[in-house]
Amino acid sequence: MTAPHTITPAQLARLIGTPEAPVLIDICIDDDFNEDPRLIPTAVRHPFKHIETLVPDLKDRKVVVICQKGKKLSQGAMALLRTHGIDAEVLEGGIFGWRDFGGPLLPASVLPARGALWVTRHRPKIDRIACPWLIRRFIDPDARFLFVAPSEVLAVADKFDAIPFDVEGAELSHSEGACSFDALLEKFQLTMPTLSAMAKIIRAADGTPDAHAPEAAGLLALSLGLSRMYRDDLEQLGAALPLYDALYRWARDAQGETHDWAAHGGAK
């Protein structure tokens, strides 16, 4: 039986990638972390002895505390957070349990600083919405995005210490047969079947040569419609993220489901 205030790897996996995902705090000691320097998607490292310094930022948020085995460190840190009214839980089995479950892990060496700036071309569509969605849901929930003139993306990246994407000359951009979403998946080693299914659709909707997916036409139509609804790029991004949340849930949970009138009691 699962202990109180504990979440299983399977339960956490259902939340990661969704707007309901909790704040993940990795408190592994350095020696343990260095044995396998990877993080669960969106997790941030923090010293367990200073866990209470996070309290002001965790009010009204669900939190999962992670250590190597899910024992004394995460149990103690969770209990301390709960004394401050934080809705904190422990990841059952810790990193070992998550790894045995087969959950995704990101190499810490390639992760940007928390709250990093990212920059791309203005008037975003398809790939330039999909990439921020992926970054916010799997890499850094606090990431900030700048939308600027195409000719200025690389210069803005240089002057403002931002990470450029989806522009010629950037590391995270199109390559033969792949779009910028694919580049992010490869960079951060997000080898998940659900994200691969999304990438196929995004690739085709974005006009990647020889990329085909029947769902791509719908994604393209919705993306173009959103671009006509909003003049402000950040407002458009905010409106579009739920579209990709829905695509993620379809790719994860509903690919085999169909819909027709007869199935709902209509005339045959």
Protein backbone atom coordinates (compact mmCIF):
# COMPACT_ATOMS: atom_id res chain seq x y z
CA MET A 1 0.00 0.00 0.00
CA THR A 2 1.28 3.46 -0.90
CA ALA A 3 2.25 5.52 2.16
CA PRO A 4 0.39 8.78 2.90
CA HIS A 5 1.59 11.82 0.99
CA THR A 6 3.29 9.63 -1.59
CA ILE A 7 2.86 9.56 -5.36
CA THR A 8 3.85 6.56 -7.48
CA PRO A 9 5.93 6.86 -10.66
CA ALA A 10 2.91 5.80 -12.70
CA GLN A 11 0.76 8.53 -11.15
CA LEU A 12 3.43 11.17 -11.70
CA ALA A 13 3.94 10.09 -15.30
CA ARG A 14 0.25 10.81 -15.97
CA LEU A 15 0.73 14.38 -14.75
CA ILE A 16 4.01 15.33 -16.43
CA GLY A 17 3.39 17.13 -19.70
CA THR A 18 0.00 18.42 -18.58
CA PRO A 19 -1.03 21.77 -17.03
CA GLU A 20 -1.76 19.86 -13.79
CA ALA A 21 1.86 18.76 -13.34
CA PRO A 22 3.23 19.44 -9.83
CA VAL A 23 6.41 21.32 -8.99
CA LEU A 24 9.22 18.76 -8.90
CA ILE A 25 12.08 19.35 -6.45
CA ASP A 26 15.11 17.07 -6.70
CA ILE A 27 16.98 17.03 -3.38
CA CYS A 28 19.45 14.23 -4.13
CA ILE A 29 22.80 14.83 -2.50
CA ASP A 30 25.62 15.58 -4.93
CA ASP A 31 27.24 12.13 -4.63
CA ASP A 32 23.96 10.41 -5.47
CA PHE A 33 23.16 12.81 -8.29
CA ASN A 34 26.60 12.44 -9.83
CA GLU A 35 26.04 8.70 -10.16
CA ASP A 36 23.33 9.48 -12.72
CA PRO A 37 23.21 13.24 -13.48
CA ARG A 38 19.77 13.31 -15.00
CA LEU A 39 16.52 14.94 -13.91
CA ILE A 40 12.86 14.09 -14.25
CA PRO A 41 11.32 16.54 -16.75
CA THR A 42 10.80 20.03 -15.21
CA ALA A 43 12.53 19.06 -11.94
CA VAL A 44 14.82 21.59 -10.27
CA ARG A 45 17.65 20.68 -7.90
CA HIS A 46 17.71 22.17 -4.42
CA PRO A 47 19.66 21.35 -1.22
CA PHE A 48 17.49 19.35 1.16
CA LYS A 49 18.75 21.30 4.19
CA HIS A 50 17.40 24.53 2.69
CA ILE A 51 14.05 23.21 1.50
CA GLU A 52 12.17 25.78 3.61
CA THR A 53 13.63 28.66 1.58
CA LEU A 54 11.31 27.57 -1.24
CA VAL A 55 8.13 27.97 0.82
CA PRO A 56 7.18 31.48 -0.47
CA ASP A 57 7.28 30.22 -4.07
CA LEU A 58 5.31 27.05 -3.38
CA LYS A 59 2.15 28.43 -1.80
CA ASP A 60 -1.03 27.02 -3.41
CA ARG A 61 1.01 24.65 -5.58
CA LYS A 62 1.29 20.87 -5.54
CA VAL A 63 4.84 19.70 -4.93
CA VAL A 64 6.65 16.38 -5.33
CA VAL A 65 9.97 15.93 -3.52
CA ILE A 66 12.48 13.54 -5.06
CA CYS A 67 15.59 11.91 -3.63
CA GLN A 68 17.52 8.83 -4.72
CA LYS A 69 15.34 6.17 -3.03
CA GLY A 70 12.30 8.06 -1.73
CA LYS A 71 13.30 7.56 1.89
CA LYS A 72 14.67 9.81 4.63
CA LEU A 73 15.62 12.90 2.62
CA SER A 74 12.40 13.26 0.69
CA GLN A 75 10.27 12.13 3.64
CA GLY A 76 11.84 14.77 5.87
CA ALA A 77 11.71 17.54 3.27
CA MET A 78 8.09 16.70 2.46
CA ALA A 79 7.14 16.81 6.14
CA LEU A 80 8.87 20.18 6.60
CA LEU A 81 7.03 21.67 3.63
CA ARG A 82 3.73 20.38 4.96
CA THR A 83 4.30 22.23 8.26
CA HIS A 84 4.12 25.41 6.14
CA GLY A 85 0.84 24.36 4.53
CA ILE A 86 2.45 23.19 1.28
CA ASP A 87 0.69 20.30 -0.48
CA ALA A 88 3.84 18.18 -0.76
CA GLU A 89 4.28 14.51 -1.62
CA VAL A 90 7.20 12.11 -1.97
CA LEU A 91 7.98 10.23 -5.18
CA GLU A 92 7.72 6.57 -4.20
CA GLY A 93 11.05 4.86 -4.79
CA GLY A 94 12.73 8.15 -5.69
CA ILE A 95 14.88 8.40 -8.79
CA PHE A 96 15.55 4.66 -8.64
CA GLY A 97 11.82 3.93 -8.72
CA TRP A 98 11.26 6.38 -11.58
CA ARG A 99 14.13 4.88 -13.57
CA ASP A 100 12.87 1.33 -13.00
CA PHE A 101 9.41 2.43 -14.11
CA GLY A 102 10.93 3.69 -17.37
CA GLY A 103 10.10 7.35 -16.84
CA PRO A 104 11.94 9.94 -18.97
CA LEU A 105 15.09 11.53 -17.61
CA LEU A 106 16.83 14.60 -19.02
CA PRO A 107 20.63 15.02 -18.95
CA ALA A 108 21.35 17.88 -16.58
CA SER A 109 24.37 18.92 -18.64
CA VAL A 110 22.19 20.24 -21.49
CA LEU A 111 19.45 21.88 -19.43
CA PRO A 112 19.34 25.70 -19.48
CA ALA A 113 19.14 27.80 -16.35
CA ARG A 114 15.69 27.98 -14.77
CA GLY A 115 13.62 30.80 -16.24
CA ALA A 116 15.93 31.17 -19.23
CA LEU A 117 15.04 33.41 -22.15
CA TRP A 118 14.27 31.82 -25.51
CA VAL A 119 13.93 33.81 -28.73
CA THR A 120 12.42 33.11 -32.13
CA ARG A 121 10.71 34.79 -35.08
CA HIS A 122 7.58 36.81 -34.49
CA ARG A 123 4.07 35.78 -35.63
CA PRO A 124 4.51 32.19 -34.44
CA LYS A 125 2.77 29.25 -36.08
CA ILE A 126 3.01 25.45 -35.77
CA ASP A 127 6.67 24.82 -34.81
CA ARG A 128 7.11 28.14 -32.99
CA ILE A 129 4.13 27.27 -30.80
CA ALA A 130 4.98 23.58 -30.44
CA CYS A 131 8.51 24.36 -29.21
CA PRO A 132 7.43 26.70 -26.39
CA TRP A 133 4.79 24.13 -25.43
CA LEU A 134 7.44 21.41 -25.19
CA ILE A 135 9.81 23.66 -23.25
CA ARG A 136 7.15 24.73 -20.74
CA ARG A 137 5.72 21.24 -20.23
CA PHE A 138 8.90 19.12 -20.18
CA ILE A 139 11.96 21.32 -19.69
CA ASP A 140 11.31 24.57 -17.83
CA PRO A 141 7.84 25.73 -16.72
CA ASP A 142 9.32 29.17 -16.02
CA ALA A 143 10.82 29.66 -19.49
CA ARG A 144 10.21 33.07 -21.11
CA PHE A 145 9.80 33.66 -24.82
CA LEU A 146 10.77 36.59 -26.99
CA PHE A 147 9.26 37.05 -30.45
CA VAL A 148 11.26 39.39 -32.68
CA ALA A 149 11.88 40.18 -36.34
CA PRO A 150 13.44 37.19 -38.13
CA SER A 151 16.56 39.13 -39.08
CA GLU A 152 17.21 40.02 -35.42
CA VAL A 153 16.75 36.66 -33.69
CA LEU A 154 20.41 35.68 -33.48
CA ALA A 155 21.52 39.18 -32.51
CA VAL A 156 18.89 39.38 -29.77
CA ALA A 157 19.99 35.96 -28.54
CA ASP A 158 23.56 37.23 -28.28
CA LYS A 159 22.76 40.53 -26.56
CA PHE A 160 20.16 39.19 -24.13
CA ASP A 161 21.68 35.75 -23.39
CA ALA A 162 18.65 34.05 -24.91
CA ILE A 163 18.43 30.66 -26.61
CA PRO A 164 17.47 31.00 -30.30
CA PHE A 165 15.23 28.45 -31.97
CA ASP A 166 13.43 27.87 -35.25
CA VAL A 167 15.59 30.26 -37.23
CA GLU A 168 18.34 29.66 -39.74
CA GLY A 169 21.73 29.51 -38.02
CA ALA A 170 20.42 28.30 -34.66
CA GLU A 171 21.30 24.90 -33.20
CA LEU A 172 17.64 24.23 -32.44
CA SER A 173 16.13 24.60 -35.87
CA HIS A 174 15.17 22.69 -38.99
CA SER A 175 17.39 20.04 -40.52
CA GLU A 176 16.84 17.58 -43.32
CA GLY A 177 13.53 15.84 -42.71
CA ALA A 178 13.10 17.36 -39.27
CA CYS A 179 11.63 20.49 -37.70
CA SER A 180 12.66 22.48 -34.62
CA PHE A 181 10.39 20.38 -32.39
CA ASP A 182 12.46 17.35 -33.46
CA ALA A 183 15.65 19.25 -32.63
CA LEU A 184 14.43 19.87 -29.08
CA LEU A 185 13.45 16.23 -28.62
CA GLU A 186 16.93 15.15 -29.69
CA LYS A 187 18.76 17.81 -27.66
CA PHE A 188 17.01 16.92 -24.42
CA GLN A 189 16.74 13.17 -25.13
CA LEU A 190 12.95 13.15 -24.87
CA THR A 191 12.46 9.75 -26.47
CA MET A 192 8.80 9.25 -25.61
CA PRO A 193 6.34 7.56 -28.03
CA THR A 194 3.71 10.22 -27.29
CA LEU A 195 6.03 13.06 -28.22
CA SER A 196 7.21 11.16 -31.30
CA ALA A 197 3.59 10.88 -32.44
CA MET A 198 3.12 14.61 -31.93
CA ALA A 199 6.35 15.34 -33.81
CA LYS A 200 5.08 13.49 -36.88
CA ILE A 201 2.02 15.73 -37.02
CA ILE A 202 3.92 18.94 -36.26
CA ARG A 203 6.52 18.08 -38.90
CA ALA A 204 3.86 17.61 -41.57
CA ALA A 205 1.81 20.66 -40.56
CA ASP A 206 4.97 22.78 -40.63
CA GLY A 207 5.64 21.83 -44.25
CA THR A 208 8.65 19.60 -43.70
CA PRO A 209 9.42 17.86 -47.03
CA ASP A 210 8.15 14.28 -47.29
CA ALA A 211 6.38 14.52 -43.91
CA HIS A 212 2.81 13.26 -43.90
CA ALA A 213 0.14 12.84 -41.22
CA PRO A 214 -3.64 13.07 -41.75
CA GLU A 215 -4.03 15.13 -38.56
CA ALA A 216 -1.61 17.78 -39.85
CA ALA A 217 -4.27 19.58 -41.92
CA GLY A 218 -6.35 20.20 -38.81
CA LEU A 219 -3.38 21.49 -36.82
CA LEU A 220 -2.42 23.82 -39.65
CA ALA A 221 -5.96 25.18 -39.96
CA LEU A 222 -6.25 25.84 -36.24
CA SER A 223 -2.82 27.44 -36.08
CA LEU A 224 -3.58 29.78 -38.96
CA GLY A 225 -6.90 30.67 -37.38
CA LEU A 226 -5.23 31.53 -34.08
CA SER A 227 -2.71 33.71 -35.86
CA ARG A 228 -5.62 35.73 -37.26
CA MET A 229 -7.28 36.07 -33.87
CA TYR A 230 -4.36 37.62 -31.99
CA ARG A 231 -2.06 40.50 -32.89
CA ASP A 232 0.08 40.06 -29.78
CA ASP A 233 2.40 37.04 -30.04
CA LEU A 234 2.40 36.32 -26.30
CA GLU A 235 -1.38 36.39 -26.17
CA GLN A 236 -1.44 34.02 -29.11
CA LEU A 237 1.00 31.70 -27.38
CA GLY A 238 -1.18 31.64 -24.27
CA ALA A 239 -4.25 30.82 -26.33
CA ALA A 240 -2.46 28.14 -28.37
CA LEU A 241 -0.86 26.14 -25.55
CA PRO A 242 -4.15 24.35 -24.70
CA LEU A 243 -4.35 23.23 -28.33
CA TYR A 244 -1.05 21.39 -27.91
CA ASP A 245 -2.15 20.10 -24.51
CA ALA A 246 -5.09 18.52 -26.32
CA LEU A 247 -2.84 17.11 -29.04
CA TYR A 248 -0.62 15.59 -26.35
CA ARG A 249 -3.57 13.94 -24.64
CA TRP A 250 -4.81 12.62 -27.99
CA ALA A 251 -1.36 11.20 -28.79
CA ARG A 252 -1.09 9.65 -25.34
CA ASP A 253 -4.61 8.42 -24.71
CA ALA A 254 -6.92 8.59 -27.72
CA GLN A 255 -5.15 7.63 -30.94
CA GLY A 256 -7.30 4.53 -31.34
CA GLU A 257 -10.60 6.28 -30.64
CA THR A 258 -12.99 7.20 -33.44
CA HIS A 259 -16.20 9.20 -33.57
CA ASP A 260 -19.29 8.85 -35.71
CA TRP A 261 -22.96 9.68 -35.50
CA ALA A 262 -24.16 6.11 -35.24
CA ALA A 263 -21.97 5.45 -32.23
CA HIS A 264 -23.94 8.09 -30.32
CA GLY A 265 -27.40 6.84 -31.15
CA GLY A 266 -27.91 8.64 -34.46
CA ALA A 267 -29.75 7.29 -37.44
CA LYS A 268 -28.18 4.31 -39.16
